């Protein structure tokens, strides 16, 4: 499994389905970025590609 596939799987695992939509808290996105050495922009792109909304954004990094 490639690093990108691992990152995608980890994001999908941590995303929660709320009101029929997948969501990932900003704090979780930051943690994944640090844990896996991925950039926040890359995490944002993957979330966009998989229809996962970043919620509870602390700094406006994810729009």
PDB file of N, CA and C in Angstrom:
ATOM      1  N   UNK A   1       0.850  -1.171   0.000  1.00  0.00           N
ATOM      2  CA  UNK A   1       0.000   0.000   0.000  1.00  0.00           C
ATOM      3  C   UNK A   1       0.898   1.238   0.000  1.00  0.00           C
ATOM      4  N   UNK A   2       0.577   2.202  -0.836  1.00  0.00           N
ATOM      5  CA  UNK A   2       1.380   3.416  -0.923  1.00  0.00           C
ATOM      6  C   UNK A   2       1.068   4.353   0.249  1.00  0.00           C
ATOM      7  N   UNK A   3       1.932   5.330   0.429  1.00  0.00           N
ATOM      8  CA  UNK A   3       1.741   6.302   1.504  1.00  0.00           C
ATOM      9  C   UNK A   3       0.435   7.071   1.303  1.00  0.00           C
ATOM     10  N   UNK A   4       0.132   7.410   0.030  1.00  0.00           N
ATOM     11  CA  UNK A   4      -1.100   8.149  -0.249  1.00  0.00           C
ATOM     12  C   UNK A   4      -2.324   7.285   0.058  1.00  0.00           C
ATOM     13  N   UNK A   5      -2.280   6.003  -0.310  1.00  0.00           N
ATOM     14  CA  UNK A   5      -3.399   5.100  -0.003  1.00  0.00           C
ATOM     15  C   UNK A   5      -3.598   4.990   1.502  1.00  0.00           C
ATOM     16  N   UNK A   6      -2.498   4.913   2.251  1.00  0.00           N
ATOM     17  CA  UNK A   6      -2.577   4.848   3.705  1.00  0.00           C
ATOM     18  C   UNK A   6      -3.213   6.119   4.256  1.00  0.00           C
ATOM     19  N   UNK A   7      -2.808   7.263   3.724  1.00  0.00           N
ATOM     20  CA  UNK A   7      -3.360   8.542   4.157  1.00  0.00           C
ATOM     21  C   UNK A   7      -4.863   8.594   3.875  1.00  0.00           C
ATOM     22  N   UNK A   8      -5.271   8.188   2.688  1.00  0.00           N
ATOM     23  CA  UNK A   8      -6.695   8.183   2.333  1.00  0.00           C
ATOM     24  C   UNK A   8      -7.471   7.280   3.291  1.00  0.00           C
ATOM     25  N   UNK A   9      -6.952   6.093   3.536  1.00  0.00           N
ATOM     26  CA  UNK A   9      -7.637   5.157   4.439  1.00  0.00           C
ATOM     27  C   UNK A   9      -7.758   5.716   5.847  1.00  0.00           C
ATOM     28  N   UNK A  10      -6.711   6.362   6.330  1.00  0.00           N
ATOM     29  CA  UNK A  10      -6.747   6.932   7.684  1.00  0.00           C
ATOM     30  C   UNK A  10      -7.770   8.059   7.777  1.00  0.00           C
ATOM     31  N   UNK A  11      -7.833   8.884   6.729  1.00  0.00           N
ATOM     32  CA  UNK A  11      -8.820   9.970   6.713  1.00  0.00           C
ATOM     33  C   UNK A  11     -10.231   9.389   6.711  1.00  0.00           C
ATOM     34  N   UNK A  12     -10.460   8.396   5.861  1.00  0.00           N
ATOM     35  CA  UNK A  12     -11.784   7.779   5.788  1.00  0.00           C
ATOM     36  C   UNK A  12     -12.172   7.117   7.105  1.00  0.00           C
ATOM     37  N   UNK A  13     -11.199   6.533   7.804  1.00  0.00           N
ATOM     38  CA  UNK A  13     -11.469   5.906   9.098  1.00  0.00           C
ATOM     39  C   UNK A  13     -11.874   6.932  10.149  1.00  0.00           C
ATOM     40  N   UNK A  14     -11.238   8.087  10.117  1.00  0.00           N
ATOM     41  CA  UNK A  14     -11.485   9.100  11.150  1.00  0.00           C
ATOM     42  C   UNK A  14     -12.684   9.996  10.848  1.00  0.00           C
ATOM     43  N   UNK A  15     -13.094  10.037   9.591  1.00  0.00           N
ATOM     44  CA  UNK A  15     -14.257  10.856   9.241  1.00  0.00           C
ATOM     45  C   UNK A  15     -15.507  10.228   9.839  1.00  0.00           C
ATOM     46  N   UNK A  16     -16.381  11.062  10.338  1.00  0.00           N
ATOM     47  CA  UNK A  16     -17.616  10.583  10.932  1.00  0.00           C
ATOM     48  C   UNK A  16     -18.782  10.970  10.034  1.00  0.00           C
ATOM     49  N   UNK A  17     -19.771  10.091   9.961  1.00  0.00           N
ATOM     50  CA  UNK A  17     -20.963  10.425   9.194  1.00  0.00           C
ATOM     51  C   UNK A  17     -21.958  11.088  10.134  1.00  0.00           C
ATOM     52  N   UNK A  18     -22.291  12.338   9.817  1.00  0.00           N
ATOM     53  CA  UNK A  18     -23.220  13.116  10.621  1.00  0.00           C
ATOM     54  C   UNK A  18     -24.268  13.685   9.673  1.00  0.00           C
ATOM     55  N   UNK A  19     -25.517  13.415   9.962  1.00  0.00           N
ATOM     56  CA  UNK A  19     -26.618  13.879   9.115  1.00  0.00           C
ATOM     57  C   UNK A  19     -26.442  13.464   7.660  1.00  0.00           C
ATOM     58  N   UNK A  20     -25.927  12.254   7.448  1.00  0.00           N
ATOM     59  CA  UNK A  20     -25.772  11.729   6.094  1.00  0.00           C
ATOM     60  C   UNK A  20     -24.581  12.285   5.333  1.00  0.00           C
ATOM     61  N   UNK A  21     -23.722  13.055   6.008  1.00  0.00           N
ATOM     62  CA  UNK A  21     -22.534  13.631   5.360  1.00  0.00           C
ATOM     63  C   UNK A  21     -21.294  13.237   6.137  1.00  0.00           C
ATOM     64  N   UNK A  22     -20.198  12.984   5.421  1.00  0.00           N
ATOM     65  CA  UNK A  22     -18.933  12.654   6.080  1.00  0.00           C
ATOM     66  C   UNK A  22     -18.250  13.947   6.511  1.00  0.00           C
ATOM     67  N   UNK A  23     -17.784  13.965   7.749  1.00  0.00           N
ATOM     68  CA  UNK A  23     -17.125  15.151   8.296  1.00  0.00           C
ATOM     69  C   UNK A  23     -15.883  14.743   9.070  1.00  0.00           C
ATOM     70  N   UNK A  24     -14.897  15.626   9.045  1.00  0.00           N
ATOM     71  CA  UNK A  24     -13.664  15.431   9.793  1.00  0.00           C
ATOM     72  C   UNK A  24     -13.370  16.737  10.521  1.00  0.00           C
ATOM     73  N   UNK A  25     -13.200  16.647  11.818  1.00  0.00           N
ATOM     74  CA  UNK A  25     -12.894  17.847  12.602  1.00  0.00           C
ATOM     75  C   UNK A  25     -11.514  18.379  12.224  1.00  0.00           C
ATOM     76  N   UNK A  26     -11.386  19.664  12.225  1.00  0.00           N
ATOM     77  CA  UNK A  26     -10.125  20.321  11.891  1.00  0.00           C
ATOM     78  C   UNK A  26      -8.986  19.779  12.761  1.00  0.00           C
ATOM     79  N   UNK A  27      -9.241  19.621  14.051  1.00  0.00           N
ATOM     80  CA  UNK A  27      -8.202  19.116  14.962  1.00  0.00           C
ATOM     81  C   UNK A  27      -7.725  17.732  14.527  1.00  0.00           C
ATOM     82  N   UNK A  28      -8.650  16.883  14.043  1.00  0.00           N
ATOM     83  CA  UNK A  28      -8.272  15.550  13.553  1.00  0.00           C
ATOM     84  C   UNK A  28      -7.429  15.671  12.288  1.00  0.00           C
ATOM     85  N   UNK A  29      -7.771  16.602  11.409  1.00  0.00           N
ATOM     86  CA  UNK A  29      -6.994  16.812  10.187  1.00  0.00           C
ATOM     87  C   UNK A  29      -5.568  17.232  10.533  1.00  0.00           C
ATOM     88  N   UNK A  30      -5.420  18.115  11.531  1.00  0.00           N
ATOM     89  CA  UNK A  30      -4.099  18.547  11.978  1.00  0.00           C
ATOM     90  C   UNK A  30      -3.311  17.366  12.548  1.00  0.00           C
ATOM     91  N   UNK A  31      -3.977  16.523  13.351  1.00  0.00           N
ATOM     92  CA  UNK A  31      -3.314  15.353  13.939  1.00  0.00           C
ATOM     93  C   UNK A  31      -2.823  14.408  12.845  1.00  0.00           C
ATOM     94  N   UNK A  32      -3.688  14.150  11.861  1.00  0.00           N
ATOM     95  CA  UNK A  32      -3.289  13.271  10.754  1.00  0.00           C
ATOM     96  C   UNK A  32      -2.100  13.846  10.013  1.00  0.00           C
ATOM     97  N   UNK A  33      -2.105  15.144   9.810  1.00  0.00           N
ATOM     98  CA  UNK A  33      -1.000  15.808   9.126  1.00  0.00           C
ATOM     99  C   UNK A  33       0.314  15.548   9.855  1.00  0.00           C
ATOM    100  N   UNK A  34       0.291  15.693  11.163  1.00  0.00           N
ATOM    101  CA  UNK A  34       1.498  15.483  11.964  1.00  0.00           C
ATOM    102  C   UNK A  34       1.887  14.008  12.034  1.00  0.00           C
ATOM    103  N   UNK A  35       0.908  13.142  12.266  1.00  0.00           N
ATOM    104  CA  UNK A  35       1.182  11.707  12.415  1.00  0.00           C
ATOM    105  C   UNK A  35       1.774  11.097  11.143  1.00  0.00           C
ATOM    106  N   UNK A  36       1.257  11.521  10.002  1.00  0.00           N
ATOM    107  CA  UNK A  36       1.649  10.891   8.748  1.00  0.00           C
ATOM    108  C   UNK A  36       2.609  11.724   7.912  1.00  0.00           C
ATOM    109  N   UNK A  37       2.976  12.890   8.401  1.00  0.00           N
ATOM    110  CA  UNK A  37       3.917  13.730   7.663  1.00  0.00           C
ATOM    111  C   UNK A  37       3.348  14.252   6.354  1.00  0.00           C
ATOM    112  N   UNK A  38       2.045  14.458   6.329  1.00  0.00           N
ATOM    113  CA  UNK A  38       1.386  14.974   5.128  1.00  0.00           C
ATOM    114  C   UNK A  38       1.066  16.453   5.340  1.00  0.00           C
ATOM    115  N   UNK A  39       1.078  17.192   4.258  1.00  0.00           N
ATOM    116  CA  UNK A  39       0.721  18.602   4.346  1.00  0.00           C
ATOM    117  C   UNK A  39      -0.773  18.780   4.566  1.00  0.00           C
ATOM    118  N   UNK A  40      -1.130  19.873   5.208  1.00  0.00           N
ATOM    119  CA  UNK A  40      -2.544  20.143   5.450  1.00  0.00           C
ATOM    120  C   UNK A  40      -3.301  20.330   4.147  1.00  0.00           C
ATOM    121  N   UNK A  41      -2.650  20.916   3.155  1.00  0.00           N
ATOM    122  CA  UNK A  41      -3.297  21.105   1.849  1.00  0.00           C
ATOM    123  C   UNK A  41      -3.611  19.755   1.211  1.00  0.00           C
ATOM    124  N   UNK A  42      -2.708  18.787   1.367  1.00  0.00           N
ATOM    125  CA  UNK A  42      -2.938  17.454   0.813  1.00  0.00           C
ATOM    126  C   UNK A  42      -4.133  16.790   1.499  1.00  0.00           C
ATOM    127  N   UNK A  43      -4.229  16.953   2.798  1.00  0.00           N
ATOM    128  CA  UNK A  43      -5.372  16.393   3.526  1.00  0.00           C
ATOM    129  C   UNK A  43      -6.653  17.059   3.050  1.00  0.00           C
ATOM    130  N   UNK A  44      -6.627  18.365   2.855  1.00  0.00           N
ATOM    131  CA  UNK A  44      -7.794  19.082   2.348  1.00  0.00           C
ATOM    132  C   UNK A  44      -8.209  18.599   0.969  1.00  0.00           C
ATOM    133  N   UNK A  45      -7.230  18.369   0.088  1.00  0.00           N
ATOM    134  CA  UNK A  45      -7.542  17.875  -1.267  1.00  0.00           C
ATOM    135  C   UNK A  45      -8.193  16.491  -1.208  1.00  0.00           C
ATOM    136  N   UNK A  46      -7.637  15.620  -0.383  1.00  0.00           N
ATOM    137  CA  UNK A  46      -8.197  14.268  -0.260  1.00  0.00           C
ATOM    138  C   UNK A  46      -9.621  14.342   0.282  1.00  0.00           C
ATOM    139  N   UNK A  47      -9.846  15.178   1.272  1.00  0.00           N
ATOM    140  CA  UNK A  47     -11.199  15.334   1.811  1.00  0.00           C
ATOM    141  C   UNK A  47     -12.151  15.827   0.726  1.00  0.00           C
ATOM    142  N   UNK A  48     -11.726  16.797  -0.061  1.00  0.00           N
ATOM    143  CA  UNK A  48     -12.563  17.297  -1.153  1.00  0.00           C
ATOM    144  C   UNK A  48     -12.872  16.192  -2.153  1.00  0.00           C
ATOM    145  N   UNK A  49     -11.886  15.391  -2.504  1.00  0.00           N
ATOM    146  CA  UNK A  49     -12.070  14.320  -3.478  1.00  0.00           C
ATOM    147  C   UNK A  49     -13.040  13.248  -2.980  1.00  0.00           C
ATOM    148  N   UNK A  50     -13.131  13.091  -1.665  1.00  0.00           N
ATOM    149  CA  UNK A  50     -13.966  12.039  -1.089  1.00  0.00           C
ATOM    150  C   UNK A  50     -15.211  12.607  -0.397  1.00  0.00           C
ATOM    151  N   UNK A  51     -15.560  13.850  -0.739  1.00  0.00           N
ATOM    152  CA  UNK A  51     -16.758  14.505  -0.196  1.00  0.00           C
ATOM    153  C   UNK A  51     -16.803  14.503   1.325  1.00  0.00           C
ATOM    154  N   UNK A  52     -15.662  14.769   1.934  1.00  0.00           N
ATOM    155  CA  UNK A  52     -15.581  14.882   3.390  1.00  0.00           C
ATOM    156  C   UNK A  52     -15.418  16.369   3.719  1.00  0.00           C
ATOM    157  N   UNK A  53     -16.323  16.883   4.548  1.00  0.00           N
ATOM    158  CA  UNK A  53     -16.258  18.283   4.952  1.00  0.00           C
ATOM    159  C   UNK A  53     -15.390  18.416   6.197  1.00  0.00           C
ATOM    160  N   UNK A  54     -14.538  19.432   6.203  1.00  0.00           N
ATOM    161  CA  UNK A  54     -13.773  19.765   7.405  1.00  0.00           C
ATOM    162  C   UNK A  54     -14.693  20.638   8.260  1.00  0.00           C
ATOM    163  N   UNK A  55     -14.893  20.242   9.503  1.00  0.00           N
ATOM    164  CA  UNK A  55     -15.761  21.017  10.382  1.00  0.00           C
ATOM    165  C   UNK A  55     -14.978  21.492  11.601  1.00  0.00           C
ATOM    166  N   UNK A  56     -15.567  22.411  12.311  1.00  0.00           N
ATOM    167  CA  UNK A  56     -14.950  22.976  13.508  1.00  0.00           C
ATOM    168  C   UNK A  56     -13.558  23.513  13.223  1.00  0.00           C
ATOM    169  N   UNK A  57     -13.420  24.218  12.088  1.00  0.00           N
ATOM    170  CA  UNK A  57     -12.114  24.715  11.680  1.00  0.00           C
ATOM    171  C   UNK A  57     -11.670  25.832  12.621  1.00  0.00           C
ATOM    172  N   UNK A  58     -10.464  25.693  13.101  1.00  0.00           N
ATOM    173  CA  UNK A  58      -9.939  26.601  14.121  1.00  0.00           C
ATOM    174  C   UNK A  58      -9.292  27.848  13.526  1.00  0.00           C
ATOM    175  N   UNK A  59      -8.627  27.717  12.393  1.00  0.00           N
ATOM    176  CA  UNK A  59      -7.827  28.815  11.872  1.00  0.00           C
ATOM    177  C   UNK A  59      -8.209  29.249  10.462  1.00  0.00           C
ATOM    178  N   UNK A  60      -9.210  28.630   9.892  1.00  0.00           N
ATOM    179  CA  UNK A  60      -9.587  28.962   8.524  1.00  0.00           C
ATOM    180  C   UNK A  60      -8.687  28.329   7.478  1.00  0.00           C
ATOM    181  N   UNK A  61      -7.919  27.311   7.876  1.00  0.00           N
ATOM    182  CA  UNK A  61      -7.017  26.634   6.929  1.00  0.00           C
ATOM    183  C   UNK A  61      -7.792  25.817   5.904  1.00  0.00           C
ATOM    184  N   UNK A  62      -8.935  25.285   6.304  1.00  0.00           N
ATOM    185  CA  UNK A  62      -9.734  24.441   5.428  1.00  0.00           C
ATOM    186  C   UNK A  62     -11.011  25.189   5.085  1.00  0.00           C
ATOM    187  N   UNK A  63     -11.206  25.462   3.831  1.00  0.00           N
ATOM    188  CA  UNK A  63     -12.381  26.210   3.392  1.00  0.00           C
ATOM    189  C   UNK A  63     -13.242  25.341   2.511  1.00  0.00           C
TER     190      UNK A  63
END
